[in-house]
């Protein structure tokens, strides 16, 4: 139970907050976007638009050097496996990874393949990549046809999976990826109006748009998006109207950076909710909220708001 003395409560929150700062400073988000082969100009252009949208959305969440795009001739199996081997070697238990596979896929009844230049990456390749990451709360989006074939072999409590189809038998080119990318900059997707787009919100938005698309075409749906795993509501993929760091006042810029860091700490805390008691979770969350309020108050004073 929290202390009744307000001063003691504040000091307790501050101490907890300082602990969280040191803990979460080591937590990073690594984002990898793989733009596969389009096969024809329309798909190539569409995949490129999706990839760039995801790159821009990810820039609001993590450092630029932790966002990697593979496209064109660079998107080879050799390059991808080397990239993920290097990434997993530097990741810690607190870090998270988000992988976006944007393109076409195939499934022969036994093996799924994501289409890239040269040798395709297979179910086993993707499984080995995901298993190489330490910790948990890792995310994989696959927008390709037949992508649902990955759900059963990749399902694990340490990861969140989103696919454009519910099985490997849905073989038509999909529209899900286009709508999922749109969600990352859409206020309509932000259902709780917290200026963040979570995996759950992006999925829900894209799923609704897919249903409306086929209804408007008067066609039976040839794709049925799926999501499995825990933590989709807490895992943020983009920020709507992100903070623009001041280039005029160094102190304001410093405080804005601290605000962004607290946002990341709150997200990490929410993702670890199941590992904490109710009291631990509430105390740590309140400490972060209190710290954020103090920082925003100082920003308001400096800006005269």
Protein backbone atom coordinates (compact mmCIF):
# COMPACT_ATOMS: atom_id res chain seq x y z
CA UNK A 1 0.00 0.00 0.00
CA UNK A 2 1.25 3.52 -0.74
CA UNK A 3 2.28 5.79 2.11
CA UNK A 4 -0.35 8.27 3.37
CA UNK A 5 2.15 11.14 3.58
CA UNK A 6 2.00 13.04 0.24
CA UNK A 7 5.69 13.96 0.50
CA UNK A 8 6.61 10.32 1.02
CA UNK A 9 4.50 9.32 -1.96
CA UNK A 10 6.25 11.85 -4.18
CA UNK A 11 9.67 10.74 -2.98
CA UNK A 12 8.74 7.11 -3.56
CA UNK A 13 7.50 7.88 -7.06
CA UNK A 14 10.65 9.85 -7.82
CA UNK A 15 12.89 7.03 -6.63
CA UNK A 16 10.98 4.50 -8.67
CA UNK A 17 11.12 6.79 -11.68
CA UNK A 18 14.88 7.16 -11.43
CA UNK A 19 15.18 3.38 -11.30
CA UNK A 20 13.01 3.03 -14.38
CA UNK A 21 15.07 5.57 -16.29
CA UNK A 22 18.23 3.57 -15.73
CA UNK A 23 16.46 0.32 -16.55
CA UNK A 24 14.67 1.43 -19.71
CA UNK A 25 17.67 3.33 -21.08
CA UNK A 26 18.90 -0.06 -22.23
CA UNK A 27 15.64 -0.93 -24.01
CA UNK A 28 15.67 -0.36 -27.76
CA UNK A 29 13.33 -0.97 -30.67
CA UNK A 30 14.84 -2.41 -33.85
CA UNK A 31 12.76 -2.08 -37.02
CA UNK A 32 13.44 -3.95 -40.26
CA UNK A 33 11.36 -3.48 -43.41
CA UNK A 34 11.81 -5.97 -46.25
CA UNK A 35 10.32 -4.90 -49.57
CA UNK A 36 9.97 -8.00 -51.71
CA UNK A 37 9.60 -8.39 -55.44
CA UNK A 38 6.57 -6.71 -56.98
CA UNK A 39 6.61 -8.55 -60.28
CA UNK A 40 4.95 -5.68 -62.10
CA UNK A 41 5.07 -1.85 -61.88
CA UNK A 42 1.78 -1.44 -60.01
CA UNK A 43 2.85 -3.76 -57.21
CA UNK A 44 6.40 -2.34 -57.14
CA UNK A 45 5.04 1.17 -56.64
CA UNK A 46 2.53 0.03 -54.04
CA UNK A 47 5.13 -1.89 -52.04
CA UNK A 48 7.51 1.05 -52.18
CA UNK A 49 4.84 3.41 -50.83
CA UNK A 50 4.04 1.01 -47.99
CA UNK A 51 7.71 0.60 -47.10
CA UNK A 52 8.41 4.33 -47.03
CA UNK A 53 5.33 4.94 -44.89
CA UNK A 54 6.57 2.39 -42.38
CA UNK A 55 10.07 3.90 -42.38
CA UNK A 56 8.62 7.34 -41.62
CA UNK A 57 6.33 5.99 -38.91
CA UNK A 58 9.18 4.08 -37.25
CA UNK A 59 11.34 7.22 -37.18
CA UNK A 60 8.97 8.62 -34.55
CA UNK A 61 9.73 5.71 -32.22
CA UNK A 62 13.42 4.88 -32.36
CA UNK A 63 16.81 6.09 -33.55
CA UNK A 64 17.42 6.28 -37.29
CA UNK A 65 20.25 3.74 -37.11
CA UNK A 66 17.81 1.16 -35.75
CA UNK A 67 15.44 1.41 -38.73
CA UNK A 68 16.62 -0.64 -41.73
CA UNK A 69 14.98 -0.95 -45.15
CA UNK A 70 15.91 -3.71 -47.58
CA UNK A 71 14.60 -3.20 -51.11
CA UNK A 72 15.58 -3.92 -54.70
CA UNK A 73 18.71 -5.99 -55.17
CA UNK A 74 19.72 -5.44 -51.55
CA UNK A 75 16.80 -7.53 -50.28
CA UNK A 76 18.58 -10.87 -50.68
CA UNK A 77 18.41 -13.84 -48.36
CA UNK A 78 22.15 -13.55 -47.67
CA UNK A 79 21.86 -9.88 -46.68
CA UNK A 80 18.80 -10.46 -44.53
CA UNK A 81 20.28 -13.39 -42.60
CA UNK A 82 23.50 -11.44 -42.00
CA UNK A 83 21.52 -8.40 -40.83
CA UNK A 84 19.46 -10.32 -38.31
CA UNK A 85 22.46 -12.25 -37.05
CA UNK A 86 24.21 -8.95 -36.32
CA UNK A 87 21.09 -7.45 -34.77
CA UNK A 88 20.39 -10.36 -32.44
CA UNK A 89 24.02 -10.27 -31.28
CA UNK A 90 23.66 -6.72 -29.91
CA UNK A 91 20.09 -6.95 -28.59
CA UNK A 92 19.42 -7.29 -24.87
CA UNK A 93 16.59 -9.04 -23.02
CA UNK A 94 14.76 -5.70 -22.80
CA UNK A 95 14.97 -4.87 -26.51
CA UNK A 96 12.22 -5.47 -29.06
CA UNK A 97 12.22 -6.12 -32.78
CA UNK A 98 9.60 -5.27 -35.41
CA UNK A 99 9.84 -6.95 -38.82
CA UNK A 100 7.70 -5.93 -41.79
CA UNK A 101 7.55 -8.23 -44.83
CA UNK A 102 5.95 -6.25 -47.68
CA UNK A 103 5.42 -8.21 -50.88
CA UNK A 104 4.29 -11.49 -52.40
CA UNK A 105 4.51 -14.99 -51.01
CA UNK A 106 3.86 -18.57 -52.03
CA UNK A 107 2.92 -21.81 -50.30
CA UNK A 108 3.14 -25.31 -51.79
CA UNK A 109 1.27 -27.04 -49.00
CA UNK A 110 4.39 -27.61 -46.93
CA UNK A 111 6.73 -24.62 -47.19
CA UNK A 112 6.01 -20.91 -47.22
CA UNK A 113 8.32 -18.58 -49.18
CA UNK A 114 8.55 -14.79 -49.22
CA UNK A 115 9.57 -13.60 -52.68
CA UNK A 116 12.84 -11.65 -52.87
CA UNK A 117 15.69 -11.48 -55.43
CA UNK A 118 17.57 -14.78 -55.66
CA UNK A 119 16.71 -17.44 -53.09
CA UNK A 120 13.47 -16.71 -51.23
CA UNK A 121 13.34 -16.72 -47.45
CA UNK A 122 11.34 -19.62 -46.06
CA UNK A 123 9.34 -20.50 -42.98
CA UNK A 124 12.45 -21.99 -41.37
CA UNK A 125 14.48 -18.86 -42.12
CA UNK A 126 11.85 -16.62 -40.53
CA UNK A 127 11.45 -18.92 -37.54
CA UNK A 128 15.22 -19.01 -36.95
CA UNK A 129 15.34 -15.21 -37.16
CA UNK A 130 12.57 -14.77 -34.60
CA UNK A 131 14.06 -17.38 -32.28
CA UNK A 132 17.44 -15.63 -32.35
CA UNK A 133 16.08 -12.54 -30.60
CA UNK A 134 16.57 -12.40 -26.83
CA UNK A 135 13.67 -11.42 -24.58
CA UNK A 136 10.11 -11.13 -25.80
CA UNK A 137 7.48 -8.80 -27.31
CA UNK A 138 8.81 -9.12 -30.85
CA UNK A 139 6.54 -8.33 -33.79
CA UNK A 140 6.23 -9.73 -37.31
CA UNK A 141 3.94 -8.37 -40.02
CA UNK A 142 3.61 -10.30 -43.28
CA UNK A 143 1.38 -8.68 -45.91
CA UNK A 144 1.79 -11.32 -48.62
CA UNK A 145 -0.63 -13.82 -50.06
CA UNK A 146 -0.49 -17.22 -48.31
CA UNK A 147 1.16 -15.48 -45.30
CA UNK A 148 -1.22 -17.27 -42.93
CA UNK A 149 0.87 -20.38 -43.47
CA UNK A 150 3.34 -18.85 -40.99
CA UNK A 151 0.92 -18.61 -38.08
CA UNK A 152 1.14 -22.14 -36.72
CA UNK A 153 4.92 -22.67 -37.04
CA UNK A 154 5.77 -19.21 -35.64
CA UNK A 155 3.22 -18.97 -32.85
CA UNK A 156 4.95 -18.36 -29.52
CA UNK A 157 4.22 -16.37 -26.36
CA UNK A 158 7.29 -14.20 -27.01
CA UNK A 159 5.95 -12.68 -30.24
CA UNK A 160 3.02 -10.97 -31.94
CA UNK A 161 2.17 -12.10 -35.46
CA UNK A 162 0.02 -10.35 -38.05
CA UNK A 163 -0.67 -11.87 -41.47
CA UNK A 164 -2.77 -10.75 -44.42
CA UNK A 165 -4.38 -14.18 -44.78
CA UNK A 166 -5.63 -16.78 -42.36
CA UNK A 167 -3.95 -19.71 -44.11
CA UNK A 168 -1.61 -20.70 -46.91
CA UNK A 169 -4.59 -21.41 -49.14
CA UNK A 170 -5.50 -17.75 -49.74
CA UNK A 171 -3.24 -17.20 -52.73
CA UNK A 172 -4.51 -13.98 -54.33
CA UNK A 173 -2.52 -10.76 -54.09
CA UNK A 174 -3.61 -8.88 -50.96
CA UNK A 175 -4.71 -5.33 -50.18
CA UNK A 176 -4.21 -5.66 -46.41
CA UNK A 177 -0.67 -4.25 -46.42
CA UNK A 178 -1.75 -1.03 -48.09
CA UNK A 179 -4.35 -0.38 -45.40
CA UNK A 180 -2.05 -1.41 -42.55
CA UNK A 181 0.52 1.14 -43.72
CA UNK A 182 -2.19 3.79 -44.01
CA UNK A 183 -3.17 3.16 -40.40
CA UNK A 184 0.24 4.29 -39.16
CA UNK A 185 -0.56 7.90 -40.04
CA UNK A 186 -4.34 7.86 -39.65
CA UNK A 187 -6.15 9.58 -36.82
CA UNK A 188 -9.11 7.32 -37.59
CA UNK A 189 -6.97 4.35 -36.56
CA UNK A 190 -6.17 5.97 -33.20
CA UNK A 191 -9.25 4.70 -31.40
CA UNK A 192 -8.21 5.71 -27.87
CA UNK A 193 -6.97 9.14 -29.10
CA UNK A 194 -3.61 8.94 -27.33
CA UNK A 195 -1.69 9.99 -30.46
CA UNK A 196 -0.15 6.52 -30.74
CA UNK A 197 -0.99 3.74 -33.19
CA UNK A 198 -0.66 0.29 -31.64
CA UNK A 199 -0.43 -3.02 -33.45
CA UNK A 200 -4.00 -3.72 -32.36
CA UNK A 201 -5.27 -0.40 -33.70
CA UNK A 202 -3.42 -0.71 -37.02
CA UNK A 203 -4.70 -4.26 -37.46
CA UNK A 204 -8.28 -3.32 -36.63
CA UNK A 205 -8.21 -0.39 -39.05
CA UNK A 206 -6.74 -2.47 -41.88
CA UNK A 207 -9.13 -5.35 -41.23
CA UNK A 208 -12.12 -3.00 -41.47
CA UNK A 209 -10.80 -1.46 -44.67
CA UNK A 210 -10.27 -4.88 -46.26
CA UNK A 211 -13.87 -5.84 -45.48
CA UNK A 212 -15.16 -2.57 -46.94
CA UNK A 213 -12.99 -3.00 -50.04
CA UNK A 214 -14.46 -6.37 -50.96
CA UNK A 215 -17.97 -5.21 -50.13
CA UNK A 216 -17.54 -2.20 -52.43
CA UNK A 217 -16.32 -4.50 -55.21
CA UNK A 218 -19.24 -6.84 -54.72
CA UNK A 219 -16.83 -9.73 -54.28
CA UNK A 220 -16.28 -12.46 -51.74
CA UNK A 221 -13.19 -11.72 -49.69
CA UNK A 222 -10.11 -13.61 -50.85
CA UNK A 223 -8.08 -12.61 -47.79
CA UNK A 224 -8.83 -12.70 -44.07
CA UNK A 225 -6.21 -10.97 -41.87
CA UNK A 226 -5.14 -12.67 -38.65
CA UNK A 227 -3.42 -11.55 -35.45
CA UNK A 228 -2.08 -13.74 -32.66
CA UNK A 229 -0.01 -13.06 -29.57
CA UNK A 230 -0.22 -10.92 -26.44
CA UNK A 231 0.58 -7.24 -26.07
CA UNK A 232 -0.74 -5.94 -29.40
CA UNK A 233 -2.63 -3.13 -27.65
CA UNK A 234 0.52 -1.94 -25.87
CA UNK A 235 3.04 -2.24 -28.71
CA UNK A 236 3.24 1.15 -30.47
CA UNK A 237 4.09 1.29 -34.18
CA UNK A 238 3.72 5.03 -34.83
CA UNK A 239 3.01 8.34 -33.18
CA UNK A 240 0.44 10.74 -34.60
CA UNK A 241 1.68 14.35 -34.50
CA UNK A 242 4.97 13.41 -32.80
CA UNK A 243 6.90 15.93 -30.73
CA UNK A 244 9.12 18.19 -32.83
CA UNK A 245 12.35 18.67 -30.93
CA UNK A 246 13.19 22.37 -30.46
CA UNK A 247 16.18 23.67 -32.39
CA UNK A 248 16.08 27.05 -30.65
CA UNK A 249 16.19 26.31 -26.91
CA UNK A 250 18.60 23.55 -25.76
CA UNK A 251 16.77 23.15 -22.43
CA UNK A 252 13.40 22.66 -24.12
CA UNK A 253 14.99 20.16 -26.51
CA UNK A 254 16.43 18.26 -23.54
CA UNK A 255 13.04 18.17 -21.80
CA UNK A 256 11.30 17.03 -24.98
CA UNK A 257 13.78 14.18 -25.32
CA UNK A 258 13.02 13.21 -21.72
CA UNK A 259 9.29 13.21 -22.52
CA UNK A 260 9.85 10.85 -25.43
CA UNK A 261 11.95 8.59 -23.21
CA UNK A 262 9.18 8.46 -20.61
CA UNK A 263 6.68 7.53 -23.32
CA UNK A 264 8.94 4.59 -24.22
CA UNK A 265 9.24 3.61 -20.56
CA UNK A 266 5.46 3.61 -20.14
CA UNK A 267 5.09 1.42 -23.23
CA UNK A 268 7.74 -1.02 -21.98
CA UNK A 269 6.05 -1.10 -18.57
CA UNK A 270 2.69 -1.90 -20.19
CA UNK A 271 4.25 -4.70 -22.20
CA UNK A 272 5.70 -6.16 -18.98
CA UNK A 273 2.38 -5.84 -17.15
CA UNK A 274 1.94 -9.60 -16.67
CA UNK A 275 5.33 -9.86 -14.92
CA UNK A 276 4.42 -7.34 -12.18
CA UNK A 277 2.04 -7.32 -9.26
CA UNK A 278 -0.80 -4.79 -9.37
CA UNK A 279 0.91 -2.64 -6.76
CA UNK A 280 4.26 -2.68 -8.59
CA UNK A 281 2.62 -1.80 -11.88
CA UNK A 282 0.51 1.05 -10.45
CA UNK A 283 3.41 2.53 -8.46
CA UNK A 284 5.76 2.50 -11.43
CA UNK A 285 3.14 3.86 -13.81
CA UNK A 286 2.22 6.66 -11.42
CA UNK A 287 5.88 7.55 -10.98
CA UNK A 288 6.30 7.91 -14.73
CA UNK A 289 3.12 9.95 -15.09
CA UNK A 290 4.24 12.25 -12.29
CA UNK A 291 7.66 12.71 -13.86
CA UNK A 292 6.08 13.43 -17.25
CA UNK A 293 3.74 16.02 -15.71
CA UNK A 294 6.66 17.83 -14.08
CA UNK A 295 8.62 17.92 -17.32
CA UNK A 296 5.64 19.20 -19.30
CA UNK A 297 5.06 21.86 -16.66
CA UNK A 298 8.62 23.10 -17.09
CA UNK A 299 8.23 23.08 -20.87
CA UNK A 300 5.06 25.19 -20.54
CA UNK A 301 6.90 27.65 -18.29
CA UNK A 302 9.78 27.97 -20.75
CA UNK A 303 7.48 28.42 -23.74
CA UNK A 304 5.14 30.80 -21.90
CA UNK A 305 2.08 28.57 -22.40
